[in-house]
Amino acid sequence: MTYVVDTHTLVWFLEAVLTQDAKIVASGLIETVW
């Protein structure tokens, strides 16, 4: 399984952020990136 961000994955991620607690997702993403 390759970690490639394609349009399908990007759309799925955006939908997940919009349908769940955005703050938790964002903070987790920031910690992962930084």
N, C-alpha and C. Protein backbone atom coordinates (compact mmCIF):
# COMPACT_ATOMS: atom_id res chain seq x y z
N MET A 1 0.85 -1.20 0.00
CA MET A 1 0.00 0.00 0.00
C MET A 1 0.88 1.24 0.00
N THR A 2 0.76 2.04 -1.04
CA THR A 2 1.58 3.24 -1.15
C THR A 2 0.84 4.45 -0.63
N TYR A 3 1.58 5.34 0.00
CA TYR A 3 0.96 6.54 0.56
C TYR A 3 1.00 7.67 -0.47
N VAL A 4 0.15 7.56 -1.47
CA VAL A 4 0.09 8.58 -2.51
C VAL A 4 -1.22 9.34 -2.38
N VAL A 5 -1.11 10.64 -2.28
CA VAL A 5 -2.31 11.47 -2.12
C VAL A 5 -2.89 11.79 -3.49
N ASP A 6 -3.88 11.00 -3.90
CA ASP A 6 -4.54 11.29 -5.17
C ASP A 6 -5.86 12.02 -4.90
N THR A 7 -6.60 12.30 -5.94
CA THR A 7 -7.84 13.06 -5.76
C THR A 7 -8.84 12.30 -4.91
N HIS A 8 -8.92 10.99 -5.09
CA HIS A 8 -9.87 10.19 -4.32
C HIS A 8 -9.55 10.27 -2.83
N THR A 9 -8.27 10.11 -2.50
CA THR A 9 -7.85 10.16 -1.10
C THR A 9 -8.07 11.56 -0.54
N LEU A 10 -7.79 12.57 -1.33
CA LEU A 10 -7.95 13.96 -0.88
C LEU A 10 -9.42 14.25 -0.58
N VAL A 11 -10.30 13.82 -1.47
CA VAL A 11 -11.74 14.04 -1.27
C VAL A 11 -12.20 13.30 -0.03
N TRP A 12 -11.74 12.05 0.14
CA TRP A 12 -12.13 11.26 1.32
C TRP A 12 -11.66 11.96 2.59
N PHE A 13 -10.44 12.49 2.58
CA PHE A 13 -9.91 13.16 3.75
C PHE A 13 -10.72 14.41 4.07
N LEU A 14 -11.03 15.19 3.05
CA LEU A 14 -11.81 16.42 3.27
C LEU A 14 -13.19 16.09 3.82
N GLU A 15 -13.81 15.02 3.30
CA GLU A 15 -15.13 14.63 3.79
C GLU A 15 -15.03 14.19 5.24
N ALA A 16 -13.96 13.47 5.58
CA ALA A 16 -13.77 13.00 6.94
C ALA A 16 -13.61 14.18 7.89
N VAL A 17 -12.89 15.20 7.45
CA VAL A 17 -12.69 16.39 8.28
C VAL A 17 -14.01 17.12 8.50
N LEU A 18 -14.81 17.20 7.44
CA LEU A 18 -16.06 17.94 7.54
C LEU A 18 -17.11 17.19 8.36
N THR A 19 -17.01 15.86 8.39
CA THR A 19 -18.04 15.08 9.07
C THR A 19 -17.63 14.71 10.49
N GLN A 20 -16.40 14.98 10.88
CA GLN A 20 -15.96 14.62 12.22
C GLN A 20 -15.39 15.86 12.90
N ASP A 21 -14.83 15.67 14.09
CA ASP A 21 -14.31 16.82 14.83
C ASP A 21 -13.09 17.38 14.11
N ALA A 22 -13.25 18.52 13.46
CA ALA A 22 -12.19 19.11 12.66
C ALA A 22 -10.97 19.47 13.50
N LYS A 23 -11.19 19.88 14.73
CA LYS A 23 -10.07 20.30 15.57
C LYS A 23 -9.15 19.12 15.87
N ILE A 24 -9.73 17.96 16.19
CA ILE A 24 -8.92 16.78 16.50
C ILE A 24 -8.16 16.33 15.27
N VAL A 25 -8.84 16.31 14.13
CA VAL A 25 -8.19 15.89 12.88
C VAL A 25 -7.06 16.85 12.52
N ALA A 26 -7.34 18.15 12.63
CA ALA A 26 -6.36 19.16 12.27
C ALA A 26 -5.15 19.09 13.19
N SER A 27 -5.39 18.99 14.50
CA SER A 27 -4.28 18.94 15.45
C SER A 27 -3.44 17.70 15.22
N GLY A 28 -4.08 16.58 14.93
CA GLY A 28 -3.35 15.34 14.67
C GLY A 28 -2.53 15.46 13.40
N LEU A 29 -3.12 16.10 12.38
CA LEU A 29 -2.41 16.28 11.11
C LEU A 29 -1.21 17.20 11.29
N ILE A 30 -1.39 18.28 12.03
CA ILE A 30 -0.30 19.22 12.27
C ILE A 30 0.84 18.53 13.01
N GLU A 31 0.51 17.73 14.01
CA GLU A 31 1.54 17.02 14.76
C GLU A 31 2.27 16.03 13.86
N THR A 32 1.54 15.43 12.92
CA THR A 32 2.16 14.46 12.02
C THR A 32 3.09 15.16 11.03
N VAL A 33 2.63 16.29 10.48
CA VAL A 33 3.43 17.01 9.49
C VAL A 33 4.61 17.70 10.15
N TRP A 34 4.34 18.37 11.26
CA TRP A 34 5.40 19.06 11.96
C TRP A 34 5.92 18.19 13.09
